[in-house]
Amino acid sequence: KPAHLTLQKVDLNEVITHSLHLVSQDAASREIQLRFSANSTLPAIQADPDRLTQVLLNLYLNSIHAIGRQGTITVEANESSGDRVKIVVIDSGKGIAAEQLEAIFTPYFTTKADGTGLGLAIVQRIIDNHNGKLELGSSERGGLLIRAWLPVPMHRALPAVKPTKES
């Protein structure tokens, strides 16, 4: 069912930093490095910070599970084509087979013995509810590459209307 979003002005740097902090102990215990450099030029977006945190946590936890031990999760955030921001999560895990990429967002599809198959379906739904786009693929290093695009609100001032004299 559609999630209720509480939209507000969001600094993605803060959401990413906070979400990485939430998984930092789990990652450290498995010798997984978390890499993220805040992007000071990133525009604010209208989003639900709790739902975005949920998206990122699902992605990180999948990455941690795929890596197992000793690896890296890299997160990047950049402006993309002026009206969108792009969040990229890259892990050094085992990646995903090309034939599984099609089914990966299907509810209850899982590649894990103990998975519910709902994590990425929830991620997809939350990104869709934000009018965003989500894409998964393989990274050059063989791990998983996840890209999410979210819209940047356009706040254009309306031109001032000059009063006209009636003739």
N, C-alpha and C. Protein backbone atom coordinates (compact mmCIF):
# COMPACT_ATOMS: atom_id res chain seq x y z
N LYS A 1 0.84 -1.19 0.00
CA LYS A 1 0.00 0.00 0.00
C LYS A 1 0.88 1.24 0.00
N PRO A 2 0.39 2.36 -0.52
CA PRO A 2 1.21 3.56 -0.56
C PRO A 2 1.56 4.03 0.85
N ALA A 3 2.79 4.42 0.99
CA ALA A 3 3.25 4.91 2.30
C ALA A 3 2.85 6.37 2.45
N HIS A 4 2.49 6.75 3.65
CA HIS A 4 2.21 8.16 3.92
C HIS A 4 3.55 8.86 4.08
N LEU A 5 3.77 9.89 3.27
CA LEU A 5 5.03 10.63 3.34
C LEU A 5 4.82 11.92 4.10
N THR A 6 5.77 12.23 4.96
CA THR A 6 5.79 13.52 5.65
C THR A 6 6.90 14.33 4.99
N LEU A 7 6.51 15.08 3.97
CA LEU A 7 7.50 15.82 3.18
C LEU A 7 7.99 17.05 3.91
N GLN A 8 9.31 17.26 3.83
CA GLN A 8 9.92 18.44 4.40
C GLN A 8 11.24 18.70 3.66
N LYS A 9 11.81 19.86 3.90
CA LYS A 9 13.09 20.19 3.28
C LYS A 9 14.15 19.28 3.90
N VAL A 10 14.90 18.57 3.03
CA VAL A 10 15.85 17.57 3.51
C VAL A 10 17.24 17.83 2.92
N ASP A 11 18.22 17.76 3.79
CA ASP A 11 19.63 17.80 3.39
C ASP A 11 20.08 16.34 3.27
N LEU A 12 20.31 15.88 2.06
CA LEU A 12 20.68 14.48 1.84
C LEU A 12 21.98 14.12 2.55
N ASN A 13 22.90 15.07 2.65
CA ASN A 13 24.15 14.80 3.37
C ASN A 13 23.86 14.34 4.80
N GLU A 14 22.92 15.02 5.44
CA GLU A 14 22.58 14.67 6.83
C GLU A 14 21.90 13.30 6.90
N VAL A 15 20.98 13.03 5.98
CA VAL A 15 20.27 11.74 5.98
C VAL A 15 21.26 10.60 5.74
N ILE A 16 22.17 10.77 4.79
CA ILE A 16 23.15 9.72 4.49
C ILE A 16 24.09 9.52 5.67
N THR A 17 24.59 10.61 6.24
CA THR A 17 25.50 10.50 7.40
C THR A 17 24.81 9.79 8.55
N HIS A 18 23.57 10.17 8.84
CA HIS A 18 22.82 9.55 9.93
C HIS A 18 22.59 8.06 9.66
N SER A 19 22.19 7.71 8.45
CA SER A 19 21.90 6.31 8.14
C SER A 19 23.17 5.46 8.19
N LEU A 20 24.29 6.00 7.76
CA LEU A 20 25.56 5.26 7.85
C LEU A 20 25.95 5.05 9.31
N HIS A 21 25.69 6.04 10.14
CA HIS A 21 25.98 5.90 11.57
C HIS A 21 25.19 4.74 12.17
N LEU A 22 23.94 4.58 11.72
CA LEU A 22 23.08 3.52 12.25
C LEU A 22 23.61 2.11 11.96
N VAL A 23 24.36 1.95 10.87
CA VAL A 23 24.91 0.62 10.53
C VAL A 23 26.40 0.51 10.81
N SER A 24 26.99 1.56 11.34
CA SER A 24 28.45 1.60 11.49
C SER A 24 29.00 0.50 12.41
N GLN A 25 28.30 0.20 13.50
CA GLN A 25 28.78 -0.86 14.40
C GLN A 25 28.74 -2.23 13.73
N ASP A 26 27.63 -2.52 13.05
CA ASP A 26 27.50 -3.79 12.34
C ASP A 26 28.59 -3.91 11.28
N ALA A 27 28.81 -2.84 10.53
CA ALA A 27 29.83 -2.85 9.48
C ALA A 27 31.23 -3.03 10.09
N ALA A 28 31.52 -2.30 11.16
CA ALA A 28 32.85 -2.40 11.78
C ALA A 28 33.11 -3.80 12.31
N SER A 29 32.09 -4.44 12.87
CA SER A 29 32.26 -5.80 13.41
C SER A 29 32.57 -6.81 12.31
N ARG A 30 32.24 -6.46 11.07
CA ARG A 30 32.52 -7.35 9.93
C ARG A 30 33.68 -6.83 9.09
N GLU A 31 34.39 -5.81 9.60
CA GLU A 31 35.52 -5.20 8.90
C GLU A 31 35.11 -4.64 7.53
N ILE A 32 33.95 -4.01 7.50
CA ILE A 32 33.45 -3.37 6.28
C ILE A 32 33.60 -1.86 6.45
N GLN A 33 34.29 -1.25 5.52
CA GLN A 33 34.49 0.20 5.56
C GLN A 33 33.30 0.90 4.92
N LEU A 34 32.85 1.97 5.57
CA LEU A 34 31.79 2.81 5.02
C LEU A 34 32.42 4.09 4.53
N ARG A 35 32.22 4.43 3.28
CA ARG A 35 32.83 5.63 2.70
C ARG A 35 31.76 6.59 2.21
N PHE A 36 31.85 7.81 2.66
CA PHE A 36 30.96 8.87 2.19
C PHE A 36 31.62 10.21 2.44
N SER A 37 31.66 11.06 1.43
CA SER A 37 32.12 12.43 1.58
C SER A 37 30.94 13.34 1.26
N ALA A 38 30.57 14.15 2.24
CA ALA A 38 29.44 15.07 2.04
C ALA A 38 29.71 15.98 0.85
N ASN A 39 28.66 16.30 0.12
CA ASN A 39 28.74 17.17 -1.05
C ASN A 39 28.09 18.50 -0.69
N SER A 40 28.92 19.52 -0.49
CA SER A 40 28.41 20.82 -0.02
C SER A 40 27.58 21.54 -1.07
N THR A 41 27.64 21.14 -2.32
CA THR A 41 26.87 21.81 -3.38
C THR A 41 25.52 21.15 -3.63
N LEU A 42 25.21 20.12 -2.88
CA LEU A 42 23.97 19.38 -3.09
C LEU A 42 22.76 20.22 -2.69
N PRO A 43 21.77 20.37 -3.59
CA PRO A 43 20.59 21.14 -3.22
C PRO A 43 19.69 20.35 -2.27
N ALA A 44 18.93 21.06 -1.47
CA ALA A 44 17.95 20.41 -0.59
C ALA A 44 16.82 19.86 -1.45
N ILE A 45 16.16 18.81 -0.96
CA ILE A 45 15.02 18.23 -1.67
C ILE A 45 13.82 18.21 -0.73
N GLN A 46 12.64 18.02 -1.29
CA GLN A 46 11.42 17.79 -0.51
C GLN A 46 11.25 16.29 -0.39
N ALA A 47 11.36 15.78 0.82
CA ALA A 47 11.29 14.33 0.99
C ALA A 47 10.89 14.00 2.43
N ASP A 48 10.63 12.74 2.65
CA ASP A 48 10.37 12.24 4.00
C ASP A 48 11.69 11.65 4.51
N PRO A 49 12.36 12.30 5.46
CA PRO A 49 13.68 11.83 5.89
C PRO A 49 13.65 10.44 6.52
N ASP A 50 12.56 10.10 7.20
CA ASP A 50 12.46 8.76 7.81
C ASP A 50 12.37 7.68 6.74
N ARG A 51 11.57 7.95 5.69
CA ARG A 51 11.44 6.96 4.61
C ARG A 51 12.76 6.84 3.83
N LEU A 52 13.45 7.97 3.61
CA LEU A 52 14.74 7.90 2.91
C LEU A 52 15.77 7.14 3.75
N THR A 53 15.73 7.33 5.06
CA THR A 53 16.61 6.57 5.94
C THR A 53 16.30 5.09 5.82
N GLN A 54 15.02 4.74 5.76
CA GLN A 54 14.62 3.34 5.59
C GLN A 54 15.17 2.78 4.28
N VAL A 55 15.09 3.55 3.21
CA VAL A 55 15.63 3.13 1.91
C VAL A 55 17.12 2.83 2.05
N LEU A 56 17.86 3.79 2.61
CA LEU A 56 19.31 3.63 2.72
C LEU A 56 19.68 2.46 3.62
N LEU A 57 18.98 2.31 4.74
CA LEU A 57 19.27 1.18 5.64
C LEU A 57 19.06 -0.15 4.94
N ASN A 58 17.97 -0.28 4.19
CA ASN A 58 17.72 -1.52 3.44
C ASN A 58 18.87 -1.79 2.46
N LEU A 59 19.31 -0.74 1.77
CA LEU A 59 20.40 -0.92 0.80
C LEU A 59 21.70 -1.30 1.50
N TYR A 60 22.03 -0.62 2.61
CA TYR A 60 23.26 -0.93 3.33
C TYR A 60 23.24 -2.34 3.90
N LEU A 61 22.11 -2.72 4.49
CA LEU A 61 22.03 -4.06 5.10
C LEU A 61 22.15 -5.15 4.04
N ASN A 62 21.56 -4.94 2.86
CA ASN A 62 21.75 -5.88 1.76
C ASN A 62 23.22 -5.95 1.37
N SER A 63 23.87 -4.80 1.32
CA SER A 63 25.29 -4.75 0.96
C SER A 63 26.15 -5.46 2.00
N ILE A 64 25.87 -5.21 3.27
CA ILE A 64 26.62 -5.85 4.36
C ILE A 64 26.47 -7.37 4.25
N HIS A 65 25.24 -7.83 4.00
CA HIS A 65 24.99 -9.27 3.87
C HIS A 65 25.74 -9.83 2.66
N ALA A 66 25.75 -9.10 1.55
CA ALA A 66 26.41 -9.58 0.33
C ALA A 66 27.93 -9.63 0.50
N ILE A 67 28.49 -8.69 1.26
CA ILE A 67 29.93 -8.65 1.47
C ILE A 67 30.35 -9.74 2.45
N GLY A 68 29.60 -9.89 3.51
CA GLY A 68 29.96 -10.87 4.54
C GLY A 68 31.01 -10.31 5.47
N ARG A 69 32.25 -10.35 5.05
CA ARG A 69 33.36 -9.80 5.84
C ARG A 69 34.34 -9.10 4.91
N GLN A 70 34.98 -8.08 5.46
CA GLN A 70 36.05 -7.35 4.79
C GLN A 70 35.67 -6.85 3.40
N GLY A 71 35.14 -5.66 3.38
CA GLY A 71 34.77 -5.04 2.12
C GLY A 71 34.51 -3.56 2.31
N THR A 72 33.85 -3.01 1.33
CA THR A 72 33.61 -1.57 1.33
C THR A 72 32.20 -1.27 0.80
N ILE A 73 31.57 -0.29 1.44
CA ILE A 73 30.32 0.28 0.93
C ILE A 73 30.61 1.77 0.71
N THR A 74 30.44 2.21 -0.50
CA THR A 74 30.69 3.61 -0.85
C THR A 74 29.36 4.27 -1.20
N VAL A 75 29.12 5.44 -0.63
CA VAL A 75 27.90 6.19 -0.92
C VAL A 75 28.31 7.54 -1.50
N GLU A 76 27.64 7.93 -2.57
CA GLU A 76 27.89 9.23 -3.20
C GLU A 76 26.55 9.92 -3.42
N ALA A 77 26.57 11.23 -3.37
CA ALA A 77 25.37 12.02 -3.67
C ALA A 77 25.80 13.21 -4.52
N ASN A 78 25.12 13.38 -5.64
CA ASN A 78 25.47 14.45 -6.58
C ASN A 78 24.22 15.02 -7.21
N GLU A 79 24.37 16.23 -7.75
CA GLU A 79 23.28 16.79 -8.53
C GLU A 79 23.30 16.12 -9.90
N SER A 80 22.13 15.86 -10.44
CA SER A 80 22.02 15.17 -11.72
C SER A 80 21.06 15.94 -12.60
N SER A 81 21.54 16.51 -13.66
CA SER A 81 20.75 17.24 -14.66
C SER A 81 19.91 18.38 -14.09
N GLY A 82 20.39 19.00 -13.02
CA GLY A 82 19.75 20.21 -12.53
C GLY A 82 18.46 20.06 -11.77
N ASP A 83 17.61 19.11 -12.15
CA ASP A 83 16.32 18.99 -11.48
C ASP A 83 16.22 17.70 -10.66
N ARG A 84 17.33 17.01 -10.50
CA ARG A 84 17.35 15.76 -9.72
C ARG A 84 18.66 15.65 -8.96
N VAL A 85 18.61 14.90 -7.87
CA VAL A 85 19.84 14.50 -7.19
C VAL A 85 19.96 12.99 -7.35
N LYS A 86 21.19 12.52 -7.35
CA LYS A 86 21.44 11.10 -7.53
C LYS A 86 22.21 10.59 -6.33
N ILE A 87 21.69 9.51 -5.73
CA ILE A 87 22.39 8.82 -4.65
C ILE A 87 22.90 7.51 -5.24
N VAL A 88 24.18 7.23 -5.03
CA VAL A 88 24.78 6.00 -5.53
C VAL A 88 25.33 5.22 -4.35
N VAL A 89 24.99 3.93 -4.28
CA VAL A 89 25.54 3.02 -3.27
C VAL A 89 26.23 1.90 -4.02
N ILE A 90 27.53 1.73 -3.74
CA ILE A 90 28.32 0.70 -4.40
C ILE A 90 28.92 -0.19 -3.32
N ASP A 91 28.78 -1.50 -3.48
CA ASP A 91 29.41 -2.39 -2.50
C ASP A 91 30.40 -3.32 -3.20
N SER A 92 31.26 -3.91 -2.39
CA SER A 92 32.27 -4.83 -2.91
C SER A 92 31.85 -6.27 -2.71
N GLY A 93 30.54 -6.49 -2.63
CA GLY A 93 30.00 -7.84 -2.43
C GLY A 93 30.07 -8.68 -3.68
N LYS A 94 29.29 -9.75 -3.67
CA LYS A 94 29.35 -10.73 -4.77
C LYS A 94 28.55 -10.29 -6.00
N GLY A 95 27.82 -9.19 -5.89
CA GLY A 95 27.03 -8.73 -7.03
C GLY A 95 25.76 -9.55 -7.18
N ILE A 96 25.11 -9.39 -8.31
CA ILE A 96 23.87 -10.12 -8.57
C ILE A 96 23.86 -10.57 -10.02
N ALA A 97 23.37 -11.77 -10.22
CA ALA A 97 23.32 -12.33 -11.58
C ALA A 97 22.36 -11.51 -12.44
N ALA A 98 22.71 -11.35 -13.70
CA ALA A 98 21.91 -10.54 -14.63
C ALA A 98 20.46 -11.00 -14.68
N GLU A 99 20.22 -12.32 -14.65
CA GLU A 99 18.85 -12.83 -14.73
C GLU A 99 18.05 -12.52 -13.46
N GLN A 100 18.72 -12.25 -12.35
CA GLN A 100 18.02 -11.91 -11.11
C GLN A 100 17.69 -10.42 -11.02
N LEU A 101 18.37 -9.59 -11.81
CA LEU A 101 18.13 -8.14 -11.76
C LEU A 101 16.68 -7.80 -12.10
N GLU A 102 16.07 -8.54 -13.02
CA GLU A 102 14.69 -8.26 -13.41
C GLU A 102 13.72 -8.50 -12.26
N ALA A 103 13.97 -9.52 -11.45
CA ALA A 103 13.03 -9.93 -10.40
C ALA A 103 13.32 -9.28 -9.05
N ILE A 104 14.41 -8.55 -8.95
CA ILE A 104 14.91 -8.11 -7.65
C ILE A 104 13.93 -7.20 -6.89
N PHE A 105 13.06 -6.48 -7.59
CA PHE A 105 12.11 -5.59 -6.93
C PHE A 105 10.76 -6.26 -6.69
N THR A 106 10.61 -7.49 -7.10
CA THR A 106 9.36 -8.22 -6.92
C THR A 106 9.20 -8.61 -5.45
N PRO A 107 8.04 -8.28 -4.84
CA PRO A 107 7.85 -8.67 -3.44
C PRO A 107 8.02 -10.18 -3.25
N TYR A 108 8.68 -10.55 -2.19
CA TYR A 108 8.95 -11.93 -1.77
C TYR A 108 10.02 -12.63 -2.58
N PHE A 109 10.63 -11.95 -3.57
CA PHE A 109 11.78 -12.53 -4.27
C PHE A 109 13.01 -12.29 -3.41
N THR A 110 13.75 -13.35 -3.12
CA THR A 110 14.96 -13.19 -2.32
C THR A 110 16.05 -14.13 -2.79
N THR A 111 17.29 -13.71 -2.59
CA THR A 111 18.44 -14.57 -2.87
C THR A 111 19.06 -15.05 -1.57
N LYS A 112 18.47 -14.65 -0.43
CA LYS A 112 19.01 -15.02 0.88
C LYS A 112 18.18 -16.15 1.49
N ALA A 113 18.86 -17.04 2.18
CA ALA A 113 18.16 -18.15 2.83
C ALA A 113 17.20 -17.65 3.91
N ASP A 114 17.55 -16.56 4.57
CA ASP A 114 16.72 -16.06 5.67
C ASP A 114 16.03 -14.74 5.33
N GLY A 115 15.94 -14.38 4.05
CA GLY A 115 15.34 -13.10 3.66
C GLY A 115 13.84 -13.21 3.44
N THR A 116 13.17 -12.07 3.59
CA THR A 116 11.72 -12.04 3.34
C THR A 116 11.40 -11.67 1.90
N GLY A 117 12.37 -11.04 1.22
CA GLY A 117 12.12 -10.61 -0.15
C GLY A 117 11.32 -9.32 -0.22
N LEU A 118 11.26 -8.58 0.89
CA LEU A 118 10.49 -7.33 0.90
C LEU A 118 11.37 -6.08 0.88
N GLY A 119 12.62 -6.19 1.25
CA GLY A 119 13.50 -5.02 1.39
C GLY A 119 13.56 -4.15 0.15
N LEU A 120 13.91 -4.72 -0.99
CA LEU A 120 14.04 -3.92 -2.21
C LEU A 120 12.69 -3.52 -2.78
N ALA A 121 11.65 -4.32 -2.55
CA ALA A 121 10.30 -3.93 -2.97
C ALA A 121 9.87 -2.69 -2.21
N ILE A 122 10.19 -2.63 -0.92
CA ILE A 122 9.88 -1.45 -0.10
C ILE A 122 10.70 -0.25 -0.57
N VAL A 123 11.98 -0.47 -0.84
CA VAL A 123 12.85 0.59 -1.36
C VAL A 123 12.25 1.17 -2.64
N GLN A 124 11.86 0.29 -3.55
CA GLN A 124 11.27 0.73 -4.83
C GLN A 124 10.01 1.55 -4.60
N ARG A 125 9.14 1.10 -3.72
CA ARG A 125 7.89 1.79 -3.45
C ARG A 125 8.15 3.18 -2.87
N ILE A 126 9.08 3.29 -1.92
CA ILE A 126 9.38 4.58 -1.30
C ILE A 126 9.97 5.55 -2.33
N ILE A 127 10.87 5.07 -3.16
CA ILE A 127 11.45 5.92 -4.21
C ILE A 127 10.35 6.36 -5.18
N ASP A 128 9.47 5.43 -5.57
CA ASP A 128 8.34 5.77 -6.46
C ASP A 128 7.45 6.82 -5.81
N ASN A 129 7.16 6.68 -4.52
CA ASN A 129 6.30 7.64 -3.82
C ASN A 129 6.92 9.03 -3.76
N HIS A 130 8.24 9.11 -3.89
CA HIS A 130 8.94 10.40 -3.93
C HIS A 130 9.10 10.90 -5.38
N ASN A 131 8.44 10.23 -6.33
CA ASN A 131 8.56 10.55 -7.76
C ASN A 131 10.00 10.41 -8.25
N GLY A 132 10.68 9.42 -7.68
CA GLY A 132 12.06 9.16 -8.05
C GLY A 132 12.18 7.94 -8.94
N LYS A 133 13.41 7.57 -9.18
CA LYS A 133 13.72 6.43 -10.05
C LYS A 133 14.83 5.62 -9.38
N LEU A 134 14.76 4.30 -9.49
CA LEU A 134 15.75 3.42 -8.88
C LEU A 134 16.28 2.46 -9.93
N GLU A 135 17.58 2.23 -9.88
CA GLU A 135 18.22 1.36 -10.87
C GLU A 135 19.31 0.55 -10.19
N LEU A 136 19.37 -0.75 -10.47
CA LEU A 136 20.41 -1.61 -9.94
C LEU A 136 21.22 -2.19 -11.08
N GLY A 137 22.49 -2.40 -10.81
CA GLY A 137 23.37 -3.02 -11.80
C GLY A 137 24.61 -3.53 -11.10
N SER A 138 25.55 -3.99 -11.89
CA SER A 138 26.81 -4.48 -11.35
C SER A 138 27.85 -3.37 -11.44
N SER A 139 28.67 -3.26 -10.40
CA SER A 139 29.74 -2.27 -10.44
C SER A 139 30.91 -2.84 -11.23
N GLU A 140 31.83 -1.97 -11.59
CA GLU A 140 33.01 -2.40 -12.34
C GLU A 140 33.83 -3.41 -11.54
N ARG A 141 33.73 -3.33 -10.20
CA ARG A 141 34.51 -4.22 -9.35
C ARG A 141 33.75 -5.51 -9.03
N GLY A 142 32.57 -5.70 -9.61
CA GLY A 142 31.83 -6.94 -9.42
C GLY A 142 30.75 -6.89 -8.37
N GLY A 143 30.71 -5.88 -7.54
CA GLY A 143 29.67 -5.77 -6.53
C GLY A 143 28.41 -5.17 -7.11
N LEU A 144 27.52 -4.76 -6.23
CA LEU A 144 26.25 -4.18 -6.65
C LEU A 144 26.36 -2.65 -6.72
N LEU A 145 25.76 -2.08 -7.73
CA LEU A 145 25.72 -0.63 -7.93
C LEU A 145 24.25 -0.23 -7.93
N ILE A 146 23.86 0.64 -7.00
CA ILE A 146 22.47 1.08 -6.89
C ILE A 146 22.44 2.58 -7.10
N ARG A 147 21.56 3.03 -7.99
CA ARG A 147 21.39 4.46 -8.22
C ARG A 147 19.95 4.83 -7.94
N ALA A 148 19.77 5.92 -7.21
CA ALA A 148 18.43 6.46 -6.97
C ALA A 148 18.44 7.93 -7.33
N TRP A 149 17.47 8.34 -8.14
CA TRP A 149 17.31 9.74 -8.50
C TRP A 149 16.08 10.28 -7.81
N LEU A 150 16.21 11.45 -7.20
CA LEU A 150 15.08 12.10 -6.53
C LEU A 150 14.95 13.52 -7.07
N PRO A 151 13.72 14.00 -7.24
CA PRO A 151 13.53 15.34 -7.80
C PRO A 151 13.91 16.44 -6.82
N VAL A 152 14.45 17.52 -7.39
CA VAL A 152 14.71 18.74 -6.64
C VAL A 152 13.55 19.68 -6.93
N PRO A 153 12.92 20.24 -5.88
CA PRO A 153 11.77 21.12 -6.14
C PRO A 153 12.21 22.37 -6.89
N MET A 154 11.37 22.76 -7.82
CA MET A 154 11.62 23.99 -8.57
C MET A 154 10.84 25.13 -7.94
N HIS A 155 11.55 26.07 -7.35
CA HIS A 155 10.90 27.23 -6.73
C HIS A 155 11.21 28.46 -7.58
N ARG A 156 10.43 28.62 -8.60
CA ARG A 156 10.62 29.78 -9.48
C ARG A 156 9.63 30.86 -9.11
N ALA A 157 10.15 32.03 -8.93
CA ALA A 157 9.27 33.15 -8.61
C ALA A 157 8.48 33.53 -9.86
N LEU A 158 7.23 33.80 -9.67
CA LEU A 158 6.40 34.23 -10.80
C LEU A 158 6.77 35.66 -11.16
N PRO A 159 6.75 36.00 -12.44
CA PRO A 159 7.08 37.37 -12.82
C PRO A 159 6.03 38.35 -12.27
N ALA A 160 6.52 39.50 -11.90
CA ALA A 160 5.60 40.52 -11.38
C ALA A 160 4.68 40.98 -12.51
N VAL A 161 3.41 41.14 -12.20
CA VAL A 161 2.45 41.58 -13.20
C VAL A 161 2.27 43.09 -13.02
N LYS A 162 2.53 43.81 -14.11
CA LYS A 162 2.40 45.27 -14.05
C LYS A 162 0.94 45.63 -14.31
N PRO A 163 0.41 46.51 -13.50
CA PRO A 163 -0.97 46.95 -13.77
C PRO A 163 -1.03 47.72 -15.10
N THR A 164 -2.10 47.49 -15.81
CA THR A 164 -2.25 48.19 -17.09
C THR A 164 -3.34 49.23 -16.98
N LYS A 165 -3.18 50.34 -17.68
CA LYS A 165 -4.21 51.38 -17.70
C LYS A 165 -5.29 50.99 -18.68
N GLU A 166 -6.51 51.09 -18.24
CA GLU A 166 -7.58 50.83 -19.17
C GLU A 166 -7.77 52.05 -20.04
N SER A 167 -7.90 51.85 -21.34
CA SER A 167 -8.06 53.00 -22.22
C SER A 167 -9.51 53.25 -22.53
